[in-house]
């Protein structure tokens, strides 16, 4: 049984619960001003990370606030490079001013999901991260094309799984529009999270048994009770003897 796990959450997205979530997590993925966030929210979230000993990471997404970065787009390799560089540079400057180290990069929303399946997009993202700072950890869907691309570019990677999302039988996330794709029961989220940490099978949305390896577990910060879920999940990890530890450069 795996005895430790990173517990991450997407924050700085204007959901007003960051301070309540932060005590329970070990890593934060901070919106960089494209799909959500601005200079003030990045600074505030970085300060919360420092106060709680939480590892800070960049959470770049498509510049599509209307759809919260969850609409698939088709950008050229150069556009992807510019998209990533601008967001990473923005948050890195603020992090430097606040004395907080950036540890990882996790793409957001549609950018993340597309890169999980699209080798060309995944390679463009990994290349952009390496060009900006080759010491950053690239976080991607466990076993996905983004993980493969990160390794190919010599980056440290972190396989990610989800506490609050159902999977398809191929290991991809069930689309949000599909009934049951988002786990709304905290007990179901705990059961899935502990099964993943223990190396046990979880049940995909179509009923297939599936094993998912994870270095880090994600809870989405825009859920209606993200803080409650975070507290319950952290308590469940503690009760099960699972050490929650942050990603480290």
C-alpha atoms as a PDB file:
ATOM      1  CA  UNK A   1       0.000   0.000   0.000  1.00  0.00           C
ATOM      2  CA  UNK A   2       1.227   3.468  -0.887  1.00  0.00           C
ATOM      3  CA  UNK A   3       1.688   5.325   2.403  1.00  0.00           C
ATOM      4  CA  UNK A   4       2.089   8.895   1.161  1.00  0.00           C
ATOM      5  CA  UNK A   5       0.428  11.107  -1.430  1.00  0.00           C
ATOM      6  CA  UNK A   6       0.389  14.725  -2.511  1.00  0.00           C
ATOM      7  CA  UNK A   7      -3.052  16.325  -2.178  1.00  0.00           C
ATOM      8  CA  UNK A   8      -3.557  19.235  -4.570  1.00  0.00           C
ATOM      9  CA  UNK A   9      -6.311  21.723  -5.342  1.00  0.00           C
ATOM     10  CA  UNK A  10      -6.920  24.238  -8.140  1.00  0.00           C
ATOM     11  CA  UNK A  11      -7.071  27.657  -6.460  1.00  0.00           C
ATOM     12  CA  UNK A  12      -6.920  31.375  -7.205  1.00  0.00           C
ATOM     13  CA  UNK A  13      -9.899  30.991  -9.520  1.00  0.00           C
ATOM     14  CA  UNK A  14     -12.215  33.457  -7.803  1.00  0.00           C
ATOM     15  CA  UNK A  15     -14.197  30.890  -5.839  1.00  0.00           C
ATOM     16  CA  UNK A  16     -13.670  32.641  -2.477  1.00  0.00           C
ATOM     17  CA  UNK A  17     -12.811  29.455  -0.582  1.00  0.00           C
ATOM     18  CA  UNK A  18      -9.029  29.335  -0.939  1.00  0.00           C
ATOM     19  CA  UNK A  19      -8.304  30.204   2.690  1.00  0.00           C
ATOM     20  CA  UNK A  20     -10.687  27.486   3.892  1.00  0.00           C
ATOM     21  CA  UNK A  21      -9.205  24.802   1.610  1.00  0.00           C
ATOM     22  CA  UNK A  22      -5.535  25.608   2.160  1.00  0.00           C
ATOM     23  CA  UNK A  23      -5.086  24.021   5.632  1.00  0.00           C
ATOM     24  CA  UNK A  24      -5.985  20.579   4.271  1.00  0.00           C
ATOM     25  CA  UNK A  25      -3.882  20.333   1.086  1.00  0.00           C
ATOM     26  CA  UNK A  26      -0.186  19.992   0.334  1.00  0.00           C
ATOM     27  CA  UNK A  27       0.038  21.572  -3.139  1.00  0.00           C
ATOM     28  CA  UNK A  28      -1.883  24.391  -4.832  1.00  0.00           C
ATOM     29  CA  UNK A  29      -2.334  24.902  -8.558  1.00  0.00           C
ATOM     30  CA  UNK A  30      -2.738  28.658  -8.977  1.00  0.00           C
ATOM     31  CA  UNK A  31      -4.636  30.207 -11.886  1.00  0.00           C
ATOM     32  CA  UNK A  32      -2.317  32.491 -13.850  1.00  0.00           C
ATOM     33  CA  UNK A  33      -4.703  35.119 -15.195  1.00  0.00           C
ATOM     34  CA  UNK A  34      -5.905  33.417 -18.376  1.00  0.00           C
ATOM     35  CA  UNK A  35      -8.930  31.207 -17.635  1.00  0.00           C
ATOM     36  CA  UNK A  36      -9.228  32.897 -14.212  1.00  0.00           C
ATOM     37  CA  UNK A  37      -7.284  34.934 -11.702  1.00  0.00           C
ATOM     38  CA  UNK A  38      -5.325  38.173 -11.743  1.00  0.00           C
ATOM     39  CA  UNK A  39      -2.258  39.674 -10.097  1.00  0.00           C
ATOM     40  CA  UNK A  40      -4.076  40.222  -6.809  1.00  0.00           C
ATOM     41  CA  UNK A  41      -5.433  36.666  -6.624  1.00  0.00           C
ATOM     42  CA  UNK A  42      -2.066  35.157  -7.528  1.00  0.00           C
ATOM     43  CA  UNK A  43      -0.355  37.187  -4.814  1.00  0.00           C
ATOM     44  CA  UNK A  44      -3.006  36.314  -2.225  1.00  0.00           C
ATOM     45  CA  UNK A  45      -2.870  32.591  -3.026  1.00  0.00           C
ATOM     46  CA  UNK A  46       0.917  32.523  -2.963  1.00  0.00           C
ATOM     47  CA  UNK A  47       0.827  34.159   0.470  1.00  0.00           C
ATOM     48  CA  UNK A  48      -1.603  31.521   1.687  1.00  0.00           C
ATOM     49  CA  UNK A  49       0.752  28.823   0.387  1.00  0.00           C
ATOM     50  CA  UNK A  50       3.616  30.362   2.339  1.00  0.00           C
ATOM     51  CA  UNK A  51       1.529  30.643   5.504  1.00  0.00           C
ATOM     52  CA  UNK A  52       0.411  26.994   5.378  1.00  0.00           C
ATOM     53  CA  UNK A  53       3.574  25.339   4.047  1.00  0.00           C
ATOM     54  CA  UNK A  54       1.837  24.370   0.813  1.00  0.00           C
ATOM     55  CA  UNK A  55       3.798  23.886  -2.423  1.00  0.00           C
ATOM     56  CA  UNK A  56       2.865  26.430  -5.072  1.00  0.00           C
ATOM     57  CA  UNK A  57       2.390  25.574  -8.716  1.00  0.00           C
ATOM     58  CA  UNK A  58       1.236  27.313 -11.870  1.00  0.00           C
ATOM     59  CA  UNK A  59      -2.135  26.410 -13.367  1.00  0.00           C
ATOM     60  CA  UNK A  60      -2.084  27.832 -16.905  1.00  0.00           C
ATOM     61  CA  UNK A  61      -5.087  27.459 -19.172  1.00  0.00           C
ATOM     62  CA  UNK A  62      -6.667  28.756 -22.323  1.00  0.00           C
ATOM     63  CA  UNK A  63      -7.425  32.490 -22.276  1.00  0.00           C
ATOM     64  CA  UNK A  64     -11.146  31.802 -22.392  1.00  0.00           C
ATOM     65  CA  UNK A  65     -12.750  33.208 -19.251  1.00  0.00           C
ATOM     66  CA  UNK A  66     -16.244  32.925 -20.683  1.00  0.00           C
ATOM     67  CA  UNK A  67     -15.944  29.124 -20.591  1.00  0.00           C
ATOM     68  CA  UNK A  68     -13.547  28.965 -17.599  1.00  0.00           C
ATOM     69  CA  UNK A  69     -10.902  27.445 -19.858  1.00  0.00           C
ATOM     70  CA  UNK A  70     -12.998  24.309 -20.311  1.00  0.00           C
ATOM     71  CA  UNK A  71     -13.712  24.715 -24.034  1.00  0.00           C
ATOM     72  CA  UNK A  72     -11.358  22.832 -26.356  1.00  0.00           C
ATOM     73  CA  UNK A  73      -9.372  25.106 -28.668  1.00  0.00           C
ATOM     74  CA  UNK A  74      -6.993  24.454 -31.555  1.00  0.00           C
ATOM     75  CA  UNK A  75      -3.805  26.501 -31.211  1.00  0.00           C
ATOM     76  CA  UNK A  76      -0.536  26.275 -33.089  1.00  0.00           C
ATOM     77  CA  UNK A  77       2.650  25.124 -31.396  1.00  0.00           C
ATOM     78  CA  UNK A  78       3.893  28.698 -31.260  1.00  0.00           C
ATOM     79  CA  UNK A  79       0.608  29.876 -29.754  1.00  0.00           C
ATOM     80  CA  UNK A  80       0.861  27.186 -27.078  1.00  0.00           C
ATOM     81  CA  UNK A  81       4.427  28.231 -26.306  1.00  0.00           C
ATOM     82  CA  UNK A  82       3.390  31.870 -25.960  1.00  0.00           C
ATOM     83  CA  UNK A  83       0.317  30.964 -23.914  1.00  0.00           C
ATOM     84  CA  UNK A  84       2.394  28.992 -21.421  1.00  0.00           C
ATOM     85  CA  UNK A  85       5.314  31.399 -21.309  1.00  0.00           C
ATOM     86  CA  UNK A  86       3.175  34.459 -20.628  1.00  0.00           C
ATOM     87  CA  UNK A  87       1.339  32.786 -17.765  1.00  0.00           C
ATOM     88  CA  UNK A  88       4.414  31.186 -16.232  1.00  0.00           C
ATOM     89  CA  UNK A  89       6.340  34.437 -16.424  1.00  0.00           C
ATOM     90  CA  UNK A  90       3.458  36.330 -14.803  1.00  0.00           C
ATOM     91  CA  UNK A  91       3.133  34.064 -11.773  1.00  0.00           C
ATOM     92  CA  UNK A  92       6.890  33.520 -11.461  1.00  0.00           C
ATOM     93  CA  UNK A  93       7.480  37.257 -11.108  1.00  0.00           C
ATOM     94  CA  UNK A  94       4.905  37.487  -8.317  1.00  0.00           C
ATOM     95  CA  UNK A  95       6.237  34.350  -6.618  1.00  0.00           C
ATOM     96  CA  UNK A  96       9.769  35.781  -6.667  1.00  0.00           C
ATOM     97  CA  UNK A  97       8.550  39.011  -5.102  1.00  0.00           C
ATOM     98  CA  UNK A  98       6.747  37.027  -2.390  1.00  0.00           C
ATOM     99  CA  UNK A  99       9.704  34.739  -1.731  1.00  0.00           C
ATOM    100  CA  UNK A 100       7.734  31.632  -2.726  1.00  0.00           C
ATOM    101  CA  UNK A 101       9.265  28.934  -4.927  1.00  0.00           C
ATOM    102  CA  UNK A 102       7.223  27.630  -7.851  1.00  0.00           C
ATOM    103  CA  UNK A 103       7.372  23.847  -7.738  1.00  0.00           C
ATOM    104  CA  UNK A 104       5.157  22.523 -10.499  1.00  0.00           C
ATOM    105  CA  UNK A 105       3.000  23.241 -13.535  1.00  0.00           C
ATOM    106  CA  UNK A 106      -0.405  21.695 -14.114  1.00  0.00           C
ATOM    107  CA  UNK A 107      -2.374  22.721 -17.216  1.00  0.00           C
ATOM    108  CA  UNK A 108      -6.015  23.598 -16.628  1.00  0.00           C
ATOM    109  CA  UNK A 109      -9.295  22.342 -18.005  1.00  0.00           C
ATOM    110  CA  UNK A 110      -9.508  21.696 -21.719  1.00  0.00           C
ATOM    111  CA  UNK A 111      -5.776  22.262 -22.179  1.00  0.00           C
ATOM    112  CA  UNK A 112      -5.100  19.499 -19.649  1.00  0.00           C
ATOM    113  CA  UNK A 113      -7.627  17.067 -21.099  1.00  0.00           C
ATOM    114  CA  UNK A 114      -6.586  17.641 -24.703  1.00  0.00           C
ATOM    115  CA  UNK A 115      -2.918  17.175 -23.812  1.00  0.00           C
ATOM    116  CA  UNK A 116      -3.761  13.874 -22.129  1.00  0.00           C
ATOM    117  CA  UNK A 117      -4.723  12.440 -25.521  1.00  0.00           C
ATOM    118  CA  UNK A 118      -2.965  14.647 -28.102  1.00  0.00           C
ATOM    119  CA  UNK A 119       0.741  13.847 -28.371  1.00  0.00           C
ATOM    120  CA  UNK A 120       1.530  16.965 -30.419  1.00  0.00           C
ATOM    121  CA  UNK A 121      -0.117  19.308 -27.928  1.00  0.00           C
ATOM    122  CA  UNK A 122       1.451  17.431 -25.021  1.00  0.00           C
ATOM    123  CA  UNK A 123       4.889  17.817 -26.589  1.00  0.00           C
ATOM    124  CA  UNK A 124       4.348  21.550 -27.112  1.00  0.00           C
ATOM    125  CA  UNK A 125       3.384  22.001 -23.454  1.00  0.00           C
ATOM    126  CA  UNK A 126       6.329  19.981 -22.176  1.00  0.00           C
ATOM    127  CA  UNK A 127       8.702  21.882 -24.449  1.00  0.00           C
ATOM    128  CA  UNK A 128       7.354  25.212 -23.191  1.00  0.00           C
ATOM    129  CA  UNK A 129       7.729  24.181 -19.553  1.00  0.00           C
ATOM    130  CA  UNK A 130      11.274  22.945 -20.108  1.00  0.00           C
ATOM    131  CA  UNK A 131      12.205  26.176 -21.926  1.00  0.00           C
ATOM    132  CA  UNK A 132      10.881  28.275 -19.044  1.00  0.00           C
ATOM    133  CA  UNK A 133      12.332  26.261 -16.145  1.00  0.00           C
ATOM    134  CA  UNK A 134      13.493  22.686 -16.544  1.00  0.00           C
ATOM    135  CA  UNK A 135      13.321  22.146 -12.777  1.00  0.00           C
ATOM    136  CA  UNK A 136       9.546  22.502 -12.643  1.00  0.00           C
ATOM    137  CA  UNK A 137       7.537  19.317 -12.145  1.00  0.00           C
ATOM    138  CA  UNK A 138       4.974  18.703 -14.889  1.00  0.00           C
ATOM    139  CA  UNK A 139       1.676  17.376 -13.531  1.00  0.00           C
ATOM    140  CA  UNK A 140      -0.551  15.430 -15.911  1.00  0.00           C
ATOM    141  CA  UNK A 141      -3.272  12.815 -16.014  1.00  0.00           C
ATOM    142  CA  UNK A 142      -1.805   9.524 -14.858  1.00  0.00           C
ATOM    143  CA  UNK A 143      -0.438   7.470 -17.744  1.00  0.00           C
ATOM    144  CA  UNK A 144      -1.349  10.102 -20.333  1.00  0.00           C
ATOM    145  CA  UNK A 145       0.424  11.577 -23.350  1.00  0.00           C
ATOM    146  CA  UNK A 146       1.356  14.612 -21.260  1.00  0.00           C
ATOM    147  CA  UNK A 147       3.284  12.400 -18.848  1.00  0.00           C
ATOM    148  CA  UNK A 148       5.064  10.718 -21.767  1.00  0.00           C
ATOM    149  CA  UNK A 149       5.965  14.105 -23.265  1.00  0.00           C
ATOM    150  CA  UNK A 150       7.297  15.396 -19.978  1.00  0.00           C
ATOM    151  CA  UNK A 151       9.587  12.405 -19.616  1.00  0.00           C
ATOM    152  CA  UNK A 152      10.755  12.776 -23.219  1.00  0.00           C
ATOM    153  CA  UNK A 153      11.797  16.361 -22.474  1.00  0.00           C
ATOM    154  CA  UNK A 154      13.685  15.358 -19.345  1.00  0.00           C
ATOM    155  CA  UNK A 155      11.217  16.878 -16.907  1.00  0.00           C
ATOM    156  CA  UNK A 156      10.256  15.463 -13.555  1.00  0.00           C
ATOM    157  CA  UNK A 157       6.632  14.423 -13.754  1.00  0.00           C
ATOM    158  CA  UNK A 158       3.781  13.692 -11.380  1.00  0.00           C
ATOM    159  CA  UNK A 159       1.004  11.283 -12.313  1.00  0.00           C
ATOM    160  CA  UNK A 160      -2.291  12.817 -11.204  1.00  0.00           C
ATOM    161  CA  UNK A 161      -5.584  11.187 -10.262  1.00  0.00           C
ATOM    162  CA  UNK A 162      -8.843  12.738  -9.134  1.00  0.00           C
ATOM    163  CA  UNK A 163     -10.898  12.466  -5.990  1.00  0.00           C
ATOM    164  CA  UNK A 164     -13.997  14.133  -7.419  1.00  0.00           C
ATOM    165  CA  UNK A 165     -14.203  12.896 -11.011  1.00  0.00           C
ATOM    166  CA  UNK A 166     -15.242   9.572 -12.530  1.00  0.00           C
ATOM    167  CA  UNK A 167     -13.083   7.820 -15.091  1.00  0.00           C
ATOM    168  CA  UNK A 168     -13.810   6.192 -18.403  1.00  0.00           C
ATOM    169  CA  UNK A 169     -12.596   2.645 -18.914  1.00  0.00           C
ATOM    170  CA  UNK A 170      -9.526   3.859 -20.866  1.00  0.00           C
ATOM    171  CA  UNK A 171      -8.287   5.908 -17.900  1.00  0.00           C
ATOM    172  CA  UNK A 172      -9.436   9.276 -19.237  1.00  0.00           C
ATOM    173  CA  UNK A 173     -11.806  11.490 -17.282  1.00  0.00           C
ATOM    174  CA  UNK A 174     -15.502  11.188 -18.035  1.00  0.00           C
ATOM    175  CA  UNK A 175     -16.665  14.425 -19.711  1.00  0.00           C
ATOM    176  CA  UNK A 176     -18.223  16.879 -17.277  1.00  0.00           C
ATOM    177  CA  UNK A 177     -21.453  16.894 -19.259  1.00  0.00           C
ATOM    178  CA  UNK A 178     -21.948  13.169 -18.742  1.00  0.00           C
ATOM    179  CA  UNK A 179     -24.285  12.295 -15.855  1.00  0.00           C
ATOM    180  CA  UNK A 180     -22.286  11.081 -12.873  1.00  0.00           C
ATOM    181  CA  UNK A 181     -18.958  12.438 -14.159  1.00  0.00           C
ATOM    182  CA  UNK A 182     -18.543  14.712 -11.144  1.00  0.00           C
ATOM    183  CA  UNK A 183     -18.517  12.973  -7.761  1.00  0.00           C
ATOM    184  CA  UNK A 184     -20.832  14.914  -5.467  1.00  0.00           C
ATOM    185  CA  UNK A 185     -20.784  12.551  -2.480  1.00  0.00           C
ATOM    186  CA  UNK A 186     -17.906  13.055  -0.057  1.00  0.00           C
ATOM    187  CA  UNK A 187     -18.078   9.369   0.926  1.00  0.00           C
ATOM    188  CA  UNK A 188     -17.697   8.341  -2.718  1.00  0.00           C
ATOM    189  CA  UNK A 189     -14.774  10.739  -3.126  1.00  0.00           C
ATOM    190  CA  UNK A 190     -13.060   9.299  -0.050  1.00  0.00           C
ATOM    191  CA  UNK A 191     -13.616   5.737  -1.243  1.00  0.00           C
ATOM    192  CA  UNK A 192     -12.116   6.486  -4.667  1.00  0.00           C
ATOM    193  CA  UNK A 193      -9.167   8.401  -3.216  1.00  0.00           C
ATOM    194  CA  UNK A 194      -8.243   5.690  -0.728  1.00  0.00           C
ATOM    195  CA  UNK A 195      -8.573   2.953  -3.344  1.00  0.00           C
ATOM    196  CA  UNK A 196      -6.160   4.814  -5.614  1.00  0.00           C
ATOM    197  CA  UNK A 197      -3.651   5.387  -2.819  1.00  0.00           C
ATOM    198  CA  UNK A 198      -3.852   1.721  -1.802  1.00  0.00           C
ATOM    199  CA  UNK A 199      -3.318   0.528  -5.377  1.00  0.00           C
ATOM    200  CA  UNK A 200      -6.786  -0.994  -5.502  1.00  0.00           C
ATOM    201  CA  UNK A 201      -9.208  -0.938  -8.402  1.00  0.00           C
ATOM    202  CA  UNK A 202     -11.775   1.800  -8.785  1.00  0.00           C
ATOM    203  CA  UNK A 203     -14.957   1.516 -10.826  1.00  0.00           C
ATOM    204  CA  UNK A 204     -15.146   3.489 -14.054  1.00  0.00           C
ATOM    205  CA  UNK A 205     -18.332   5.271 -15.027  1.00  0.00           C
ATOM    206  CA  UNK A 206     -19.324   2.329 -17.248  1.00  0.00           C
ATOM    207  CA  UNK A 207     -18.705  -0.204 -14.470  1.00  0.00           C
ATOM    208  CA  UNK A 208     -15.264  -1.426 -15.546  1.00  0.00           C
ATOM    209  CA  UNK A 209     -12.618  -2.092 -12.894  1.00  0.00           C
ATOM    210  CA  UNK A 210      -9.681   0.266 -13.360  1.00  0.00           C
ATOM    211  CA  UNK A 211      -6.349   0.789 -11.592  1.00  0.00           C
ATOM    212  CA  UNK A 212      -4.876   4.292 -11.546  1.00  0.00           C
ATOM    213  CA  UNK A 213      -1.352   5.071 -10.329  1.00  0.00           C
ATOM    214  CA  UNK A 214      -0.990   8.487  -8.721  1.00  0.00           C
ATOM    215  CA  UNK A 215       1.740  10.658  -7.242  1.00  0.00           C
ATOM    216  CA  UNK A 216      -0.791  13.392  -6.512  1.00  0.00           C
ATOM    217  CA  UNK A 217      -4.556  13.516  -5.969  1.00  0.00           C
ATOM    218  CA  UNK A 218      -6.636  16.488  -7.082  1.00  0.00           C
ATOM    219  CA  UNK A 219      -9.707  18.103  -5.614  1.00  0.00           C
ATOM    220  CA  UNK A 220     -11.270  20.833  -7.744  1.00  0.00           C
ATOM    221  CA  UNK A 221     -11.489  24.129  -5.901  1.00  0.00           C
ATOM    222  CA  UNK A 222     -14.638  25.318  -7.667  1.00  0.00           C
ATOM    223  CA  UNK A 223     -16.901  22.678  -6.140  1.00  0.00           C
ATOM    224  CA  UNK A 224     -19.823  23.928  -4.080  1.00  0.00           C
ATOM    225  CA  UNK A 225     -18.330  22.445  -0.872  1.00  0.00           C
ATOM    226  CA  UNK A 226     -14.643  22.282  -1.751  1.00  0.00           C
ATOM    227  CA  UNK A 227     -13.528  23.148   1.779  1.00  0.00           C
ATOM    228  CA  UNK A 228     -15.776  20.497   3.320  1.00  0.00           C
ATOM    229  CA  UNK A 229     -14.544  17.880   0.853  1.00  0.00           C
ATOM    230  CA  UNK A 230     -10.922  18.885   1.481  1.00  0.00           C
ATOM    231  CA  UNK A 231     -11.315  18.562   5.248  1.00  0.00           C
ATOM    232  CA  UNK A 232     -13.075  15.210   5.004  1.00  0.00           C
ATOM    233  CA  UNK A 233     -10.522  13.809   2.575  1.00  0.00           C
ATOM    234  CA  UNK A 234      -7.608  14.947   4.723  1.00  0.00           C
ATOM    235  CA  UNK A 235      -9.203  13.373   7.805  1.00  0.00           C
ATOM    236  CA  UNK A 236      -9.705  10.124   5.870  1.00  0.00           C
ATOM    237  CA  UNK A 237      -6.040  10.110   4.803  1.00  0.00           C
ATOM    238  CA  UNK A 238      -4.954  10.675   8.395  1.00  0.00           C
ATOM    239  CA  UNK A 239      -7.247   7.927   9.707  1.00  0.00           C
ATOM    240  CA  UNK A 240      -5.915   5.501   7.085  1.00  0.00           C
ATOM    241  CA  UNK A 241      -2.298   6.232   7.964  1.00  0.00           C
ATOM    242  CA  UNK A 242      -1.593   7.957   4.652  1.00  0.00           C
ATOM    243  CA  UNK A 243       0.980  10.741   4.925  1.00  0.00           C
ATOM    244  CA  UNK A 244       0.054  13.825   2.912  1.00  0.00           C
ATOM    245  CA  UNK A 245       3.227  15.393   1.585  1.00  0.00           C
ATOM    246  CA  UNK A 246       3.814  18.129  -0.952  1.00  0.00           C
ATOM    247  CA  UNK A 247       5.538  17.973  -4.311  1.00  0.00           C
ATOM    248  CA  UNK A 248       9.119  19.198  -4.021  1.00  0.00           C
ATOM    249  CA  UNK A 249      11.613  20.419  -6.594  1.00  0.00           C
END
